[in-house]
Amino acid sequence: MSRYLITGGAGFIGSHLTSALLAAGDEVVVLDNFASGKRSNLEGMGGGLDVIEGSILVEEDVQRAAKGCDGIFHLAAVPSVERSVREPLANHEANCTGTITVLDVARQHGLKVVYAGSSSAYGDQEVANKHEELRESPLSPYAAAKVAGEMYARSFANVYGLPVVVTRFFNVFGPRQVPDSPYSGVVAAFCFALLKGQVPIVHGTGEQSRDFTFVGDVARGCILAMQTPLEGCNVINLACGGSHSVLDILNGLKINAGVDVEPVFESARAGDVKHSRADISRAQELLGFEPQVSLLDGLKNTFDWYRSVYE
């Protein structure tokens, strides 16, 4: 049995990671300021869970949460591209300053870190599959901040010998994602609109494609990244290796909803990437990672959850 700290553990991805670790018999400390994370996401998870309300910007909070832990999953962030365009300084503080604070505490305690990176690091590069050897090309303040976090991770591995795995996420979806915020992910927003009889909104043409990855697969990949012995700083894509357009997603969800409604098309959002598909060969080779949930099964699972909550 191990004890792990998860920053942002009450959030969408963090809460799924929390439940997966607890189910495996590990202990979990969640550090969350509950700005976007929800206490309800952690309800019913049983023993082995400690929850600390605090901030990754306050070293004392991170120190207290890290005490007695065997590793840190750093997921706390302000994850919205759109919000980062509107509030670049707040984005920098949470995603850069917060990350170096976590890394420095990990250095002091000698703890391995799994850092939630982002596929936005790649930007719009003319390659079929985004692989880890590509040069970073961030298009938004959010992407730039996540890349800055990666640079700090690499420097800490180089200077202090801190083991870090940067897991680059590709459009994660699933239950518990906030569906009714201006910054909601497209799957959650579509589910909410279809259940509430609202017209779905598509930004851009809808032909932009993404590597949509079910949250349970991402949680499992993060655990593999923590438990697999790796030296230095390793950057690893966590995704399905597939490609589907935003309109493909909407059509799949309309089947689950049993409705046929045409979306409203609005202007593309600044900083959005047109196409993003992962090369997951490094995750397969280093971690033994294979996605287990198909897109159709993931969409059904997700829509059924939103229906149980909002209908």
Protein backbone atom coordinates (compact mmCIF):
# COMPACT_ATOMS: atom_id res chain seq x y z
CA MET A 1 0.00 0.00 0.00
CA SER A 2 1.24 3.47 -0.93
CA ARG A 3 0.12 6.97 0.00
CA TYR A 4 -0.18 9.57 -2.76
CA LEU A 5 -0.90 13.28 -2.91
CA ILE A 6 -3.20 14.45 -5.71
CA THR A 7 -3.34 18.19 -6.26
CA GLY A 8 -6.70 19.08 -7.74
CA GLY A 9 -8.01 15.73 -6.57
CA ALA A 10 -11.60 16.97 -6.26
CA GLY A 11 -11.72 17.97 -9.90
CA PHE A 12 -12.96 16.03 -12.91
CA ILE A 13 -9.85 13.97 -13.70
CA GLY A 14 -8.45 14.14 -10.18
CA SER A 15 -11.52 12.57 -8.60
CA HIS A 16 -11.40 9.63 -11.02
CA LEU A 17 -7.72 9.16 -10.21
CA THR A 18 -8.55 9.33 -6.51
CA SER A 19 -11.21 6.61 -6.78
CA ALA A 20 -8.93 4.38 -8.87
CA LEU A 21 -6.10 4.57 -6.32
CA LEU A 22 -8.44 3.95 -3.39
CA ALA A 23 -9.95 0.97 -5.20
CA ALA A 24 -6.44 -0.46 -5.56
CA GLY A 25 -5.94 -0.22 -1.79
CA ASP A 26 -3.76 2.89 -1.70
CA GLU A 27 -4.21 5.93 0.53
CA VAL A 28 -4.83 9.34 -1.03
CA VAL A 29 -4.38 12.91 0.17
CA VAL A 30 -6.34 15.41 -1.91
CA LEU A 31 -5.21 19.04 -1.92
CA ASP A 32 -7.81 21.27 -3.54
CA ASN A 33 -8.94 24.88 -3.16
CA PHE A 34 -12.41 23.93 -4.48
CA ALA A 35 -12.46 26.80 -6.95
CA SER A 36 -13.59 24.32 -9.60
CA GLY A 37 -13.29 20.96 -7.85
CA LYS A 38 -16.33 19.69 -5.98
CA ARG A 39 -16.56 17.99 -2.62
CA SER A 40 -19.41 15.92 -4.04
CA ASN A 41 -16.92 14.31 -6.45
CA LEU A 42 -15.26 12.67 -3.44
CA GLU A 43 -18.37 11.50 -1.64
CA GLY A 44 -18.72 7.82 -0.87
CA MET A 45 -15.10 6.93 -1.51
CA GLY A 46 -14.66 5.40 1.94
CA GLY A 47 -11.56 5.17 4.09
CA GLY A 48 -8.02 5.91 3.10
CA LEU A 49 -8.87 9.42 1.88
CA ASP A 50 -7.69 12.67 3.51
CA VAL A 51 -8.93 15.96 2.07
CA ILE A 52 -7.05 19.21 2.67
CA GLU A 53 -8.53 22.50 1.53
CA GLY A 54 -5.60 24.58 0.41
CA SER A 55 -3.71 26.06 -2.51
CA ILE A 56 -0.75 24.92 -4.59
CA LEU A 57 0.35 28.56 -4.43
CA VAL A 58 0.93 28.25 -0.68
CA GLU A 59 4.03 26.19 0.08
CA GLU A 60 2.87 25.41 3.61
CA ASP A 61 -0.31 23.82 2.23
CA VAL A 62 1.65 21.65 -0.19
CA GLN A 63 4.16 20.71 2.51
CA ARG A 64 1.39 19.62 4.87
CA ALA A 65 -0.32 17.58 2.16
CA ALA A 66 2.91 15.92 0.99
CA LYS A 67 3.99 14.75 4.44
CA GLY A 68 4.17 10.97 4.57
CA CYS A 69 3.39 10.53 0.87
CA ASP A 70 5.19 8.30 -1.62
CA GLY A 71 4.52 10.39 -4.72
CA ILE A 72 2.63 13.38 -6.10
CA PHE A 73 0.13 13.53 -8.93
CA HIS A 74 0.00 17.20 -9.92
CA LEU A 75 -3.33 17.85 -11.63
CA ALA A 76 -4.35 21.18 -10.10
CA ALA A 77 -4.64 23.82 -12.83
CA VAL A 78 -6.88 26.35 -14.51
CA PRO A 79 -7.46 24.23 -17.63
CA SER A 80 -9.42 26.45 -20.02
CA VAL A 81 -7.82 27.84 -23.20
CA GLU A 82 -10.60 30.41 -23.49
CA ARG A 83 -10.21 31.54 -19.89
CA SER A 84 -6.44 31.85 -20.30
CA VAL A 85 -6.98 34.22 -23.22
CA ARG A 86 -9.21 36.37 -21.03
CA GLU A 87 -7.13 36.09 -17.84
CA PRO A 88 -3.50 35.39 -18.81
CA LEU A 89 -2.00 36.48 -15.48
CA ALA A 90 -4.30 34.29 -13.40
CA ASN A 91 -3.53 31.43 -15.79
CA HIS A 92 0.20 31.96 -15.29
CA GLU A 93 -0.07 32.09 -11.51
CA ALA A 94 -2.03 28.83 -11.21
CA ASN A 95 -0.32 26.85 -13.95
CA CYS A 96 3.29 28.08 -13.65
CA THR A 97 3.83 29.34 -10.11
CA GLY A 98 1.67 26.55 -8.70
CA THR A 99 3.63 23.93 -10.61
CA ILE A 100 7.06 25.09 -9.50
CA THR A 101 5.80 25.20 -5.91
CA VAL A 102 4.71 21.55 -6.15
CA LEU A 103 7.98 20.54 -7.82
CA ASP A 104 10.03 22.26 -5.11
CA VAL A 105 8.12 20.51 -2.32
CA ALA A 106 8.59 17.20 -4.17
CA ARG A 107 12.33 17.93 -4.37
CA GLN A 108 12.51 18.55 -0.63
CA HIS A 109 10.69 15.31 0.17
CA GLY A 110 12.30 13.21 -2.58
CA LEU A 111 8.95 12.37 -4.20
CA LYS A 112 8.30 11.34 -7.78
CA VAL A 113 5.89 13.62 -9.63
CA VAL A 114 3.39 12.80 -12.36
CA TYR A 115 2.56 16.16 -13.93
CA ALA A 116 -0.60 16.61 -15.99
CA GLY A 117 0.65 18.17 -19.20
CA SER A 118 -1.43 19.01 -22.23
CA SER A 119 -1.62 18.18 -25.92
CA SER A 120 -1.96 21.92 -26.46
CA ALA A 121 1.83 21.96 -26.22
CA TYR A 122 1.96 20.77 -29.83
CA GLY A 123 -0.20 23.49 -31.37
CA ASP A 124 -1.17 23.10 -35.03
CA GLN A 125 1.70 21.17 -36.58
CA GLU A 126 1.29 19.49 -39.95
CA VAL A 127 1.80 15.91 -38.83
CA ALA A 128 -0.75 13.10 -38.74
CA ASN A 129 0.03 12.09 -35.16
CA LYS A 130 1.50 14.34 -32.48
CA HIS A 131 4.57 12.65 -31.02
CA GLU A 132 6.75 13.65 -28.10
CA GLU A 133 9.82 14.55 -30.19
CA LEU A 134 8.00 17.44 -31.87
CA ARG A 135 9.04 20.93 -30.87
CA GLU A 136 6.49 22.64 -28.63
CA SER A 137 4.35 25.25 -30.38
CA PRO A 138 1.80 26.65 -27.90
CA LEU A 139 -1.00 28.80 -29.37
CA SER A 140 -2.58 30.12 -26.16
CA PRO A 141 -1.52 31.39 -22.73
CA TYR A 142 -2.84 28.12 -21.27
CA ALA A 143 -0.66 26.04 -23.59
CA ALA A 144 2.36 28.25 -22.90
CA ALA A 145 1.90 27.87 -19.15
CA LYS A 146 1.61 24.09 -19.37
CA VAL A 147 4.78 23.98 -21.47
CA ALA A 148 6.51 26.19 -18.91
CA GLY A 149 5.56 23.63 -16.27
CA GLU A 150 7.16 20.94 -18.40
CA MET A 151 10.35 22.99 -18.70
CA TYR A 152 10.51 23.34 -14.94
CA ALA A 153 9.96 19.59 -14.59
CA ARG A 154 12.84 18.88 -16.96
CA SER A 155 15.12 21.30 -15.15
CA PHE A 156 14.29 19.77 -11.74
CA ALA A 157 15.06 16.32 -13.14
CA ASN A 158 18.34 17.60 -14.54
CA VAL A 159 19.53 19.67 -11.57
CA TYR A 160 18.09 17.75 -8.61
CA GLY A 161 17.58 14.26 -10.03
CA LEU A 162 13.84 14.52 -9.39
CA PRO A 163 11.93 11.80 -11.26
CA VAL A 164 9.03 13.34 -13.21
CA VAL A 165 6.62 11.97 -15.79
CA VAL A 166 4.79 14.56 -17.88
CA THR A 167 1.55 13.01 -19.10
CA ARG A 168 0.17 14.97 -22.03
CA PHE A 169 -3.62 14.63 -22.00
CA PHE A 170 -5.71 14.75 -25.18
CA ASN A 171 -9.33 15.95 -24.77
CA VAL A 172 -10.36 13.93 -21.75
CA PHE A 173 -14.09 13.32 -21.29
CA GLY A 174 -16.34 11.39 -18.95
CA PRO A 175 -18.59 11.68 -15.88
CA ARG A 176 -18.15 14.57 -13.42
CA GLN A 177 -16.91 17.12 -15.93
CA VAL A 178 -18.66 20.45 -15.34
CA PRO A 179 -21.18 20.78 -18.22
CA ASP A 180 -22.69 24.26 -17.80
CA SER A 181 -19.71 26.58 -17.65
CA PRO A 182 -18.41 28.82 -20.47
CA TYR A 183 -15.21 26.76 -20.16
CA SER A 184 -16.84 23.31 -20.28
CA GLY A 185 -15.40 20.57 -22.46
CA VAL A 186 -17.35 19.92 -25.63
CA VAL A 187 -18.64 16.45 -24.64
CA ALA A 188 -19.98 17.71 -21.31
CA ALA A 189 -21.51 20.80 -22.94
CA PHE A 190 -23.22 18.72 -25.63
CA CYS A 191 -24.62 16.28 -23.06
CA PHE A 192 -26.06 19.12 -21.01
CA ALA A 193 -27.61 20.86 -24.01
CA LEU A 194 -29.25 17.69 -25.32
CA LEU A 195 -30.67 16.81 -21.90
CA LYS A 196 -32.01 20.32 -21.32
CA GLY A 197 -33.57 20.68 -24.77
CA GLN A 198 -31.09 23.40 -25.71
CA VAL A 199 -29.45 23.88 -29.09
CA PRO A 200 -25.82 22.66 -29.00
CA ILE A 201 -23.24 25.31 -29.85
CA VAL A 202 -20.31 24.45 -32.13
CA HIS A 203 -17.38 26.84 -32.28
CA GLY A 204 -15.89 26.93 -35.77
CA THR A 205 -16.90 24.49 -38.51
CA GLY A 206 -17.14 21.43 -36.28
CA GLU A 207 -14.66 19.65 -38.54
CA GLN A 208 -11.83 20.26 -36.08
CA SER A 209 -10.71 16.87 -34.82
CA ARG A 210 -9.56 15.63 -31.45
CA ASP A 211 -8.22 12.50 -29.79
CA PHE A 212 -11.09 12.07 -27.33
CA THR A 213 -9.99 9.93 -24.39
CA PHE A 214 -12.18 8.47 -21.65
CA VAL A 215 -11.25 9.65 -18.18
CA GLY A 216 -10.90 6.13 -16.76
CA ASP A 217 -8.15 5.37 -19.27
CA VAL A 218 -6.35 8.59 -18.33
CA ALA A 219 -6.50 7.75 -14.61
CA ARG A 220 -5.09 4.30 -15.27
CA GLY A 221 -2.32 5.78 -17.42
CA CYS A 222 -1.36 8.21 -14.65
CA ILE A 223 -1.07 5.34 -12.17
CA LEU A 224 1.14 3.41 -14.59
CA ALA A 225 3.30 6.52 -14.98
CA MET A 226 3.76 6.72 -11.20
CA GLN A 227 4.41 3.04 -10.63
CA THR A 228 6.71 2.35 -13.60
CA PRO A 229 10.40 2.91 -12.68
CA LEU A 230 11.67 5.70 -14.95
CA GLU A 231 14.64 8.01 -14.52
CA GLY A 232 14.81 11.70 -15.29
CA CYS A 233 11.91 13.53 -16.89
CA ASN A 234 9.81 11.58 -19.38
CA VAL A 235 7.15 13.20 -21.58
CA ILE A 236 4.43 10.72 -22.53
CA ASN A 237 1.19 11.15 -24.47
CA LEU A 238 -1.88 9.65 -22.74
CA ALA A 239 -4.66 9.21 -25.28
CA CYS A 240 -6.42 6.71 -27.53
CA GLY A 241 -4.56 7.42 -30.76
CA GLY A 242 -7.84 8.12 -32.54
CA SER A 243 -9.30 11.10 -34.36
CA HIS A 244 -12.92 12.30 -34.40
CA SER A 245 -14.43 15.62 -35.33
CA VAL A 246 -16.56 17.70 -33.00
CA LEU A 247 -19.56 16.95 -35.24
CA ASP A 248 -18.82 13.21 -34.94
CA ILE A 249 -19.09 13.58 -31.18
CA LEU A 250 -22.35 15.49 -31.40
CA ASN A 251 -23.86 12.90 -33.74
CA GLY A 252 -22.85 10.07 -31.42
CA LEU A 253 -24.42 11.81 -28.43
CA LYS A 254 -27.61 12.57 -30.36
CA ILE A 255 -28.04 8.81 -30.85
CA ASN A 256 -27.73 8.28 -27.10
CA ALA A 257 -30.17 11.11 -26.44
CA GLY A 258 -32.67 9.92 -29.04
CA VAL A 259 -32.99 13.40 -30.52
CA ASP A 260 -32.13 15.02 -33.83
CA VAL A 261 -31.24 18.67 -33.45
CA GLU A 262 -28.99 20.84 -35.58
CA PRO A 263 -26.31 22.86 -33.78
CA VAL A 264 -25.72 26.58 -33.92
CA PHE A 265 -22.33 27.47 -35.36
CA GLU A 266 -20.37 30.30 -33.76
CA SER A 267 -16.93 31.77 -34.41
CA ALA A 268 -13.89 29.65 -33.68
CA ARG A 269 -12.27 30.47 -30.34
CA ALA A 270 -8.87 32.12 -30.15
CA GLY A 271 -6.08 29.69 -29.31
CA ASP A 272 -7.99 26.56 -30.35
CA VAL A 273 -6.07 23.87 -32.21
CA LYS A 274 -7.63 22.60 -35.45
CA HIS A 275 -6.49 18.97 -35.33
CA SER A 276 -4.99 16.91 -32.53
CA ARG A 277 -4.27 13.18 -32.63
CA ALA A 278 -1.76 11.38 -30.41
CA ASP A 279 0.99 8.96 -31.19
CA ILE A 280 0.76 6.70 -28.12
CA SER A 281 3.65 4.37 -28.96
CA ARG A 282 5.81 5.76 -26.14
CA ALA A 283 3.07 5.12 -23.56
CA GLN A 284 2.71 1.60 -24.92
CA GLU A 285 6.45 0.92 -24.82
CA LEU A 286 7.37 2.56 -21.50
CA LEU A 287 4.19 2.05 -19.49
CA GLY A 288 2.45 -0.89 -21.13
CA PHE A 289 -0.51 1.45 -21.60
CA GLU A 290 -3.43 0.52 -23.85
CA PRO A 291 -6.76 2.36 -23.94
CA GLN A 292 -9.57 0.10 -22.80
CA VAL A 293 -12.71 2.18 -23.39
CA SER A 294 -13.88 2.78 -26.96
CA LEU A 295 -15.24 6.16 -28.01
CA LEU A 296 -18.79 4.83 -28.40
CA ASP A 297 -18.75 3.10 -25.01
CA GLY A 298 -17.24 6.17 -23.40
CA LEU A 299 -19.87 8.48 -24.90
CA LYS A 300 -22.68 6.18 -23.74
CA ASN A 301 -21.20 5.90 -20.24
CA THR A 302 -20.81 9.67 -20.07
CA PHE A 303 -24.26 10.53 -21.40
CA ASP A 304 -25.92 8.01 -19.08
CA TRP A 305 -24.17 9.63 -16.11
CA TYR A 306 -25.30 13.14 -17.07
CA ARG A 307 -28.82 11.83 -17.63
CA SER A 308 -28.85 10.34 -14.12
CA VAL A 309 -27.77 13.69 -12.65
CA TYR A 310 -29.54 16.31 -14.77
CA GLU A 311 -32.68 14.70 -16.17
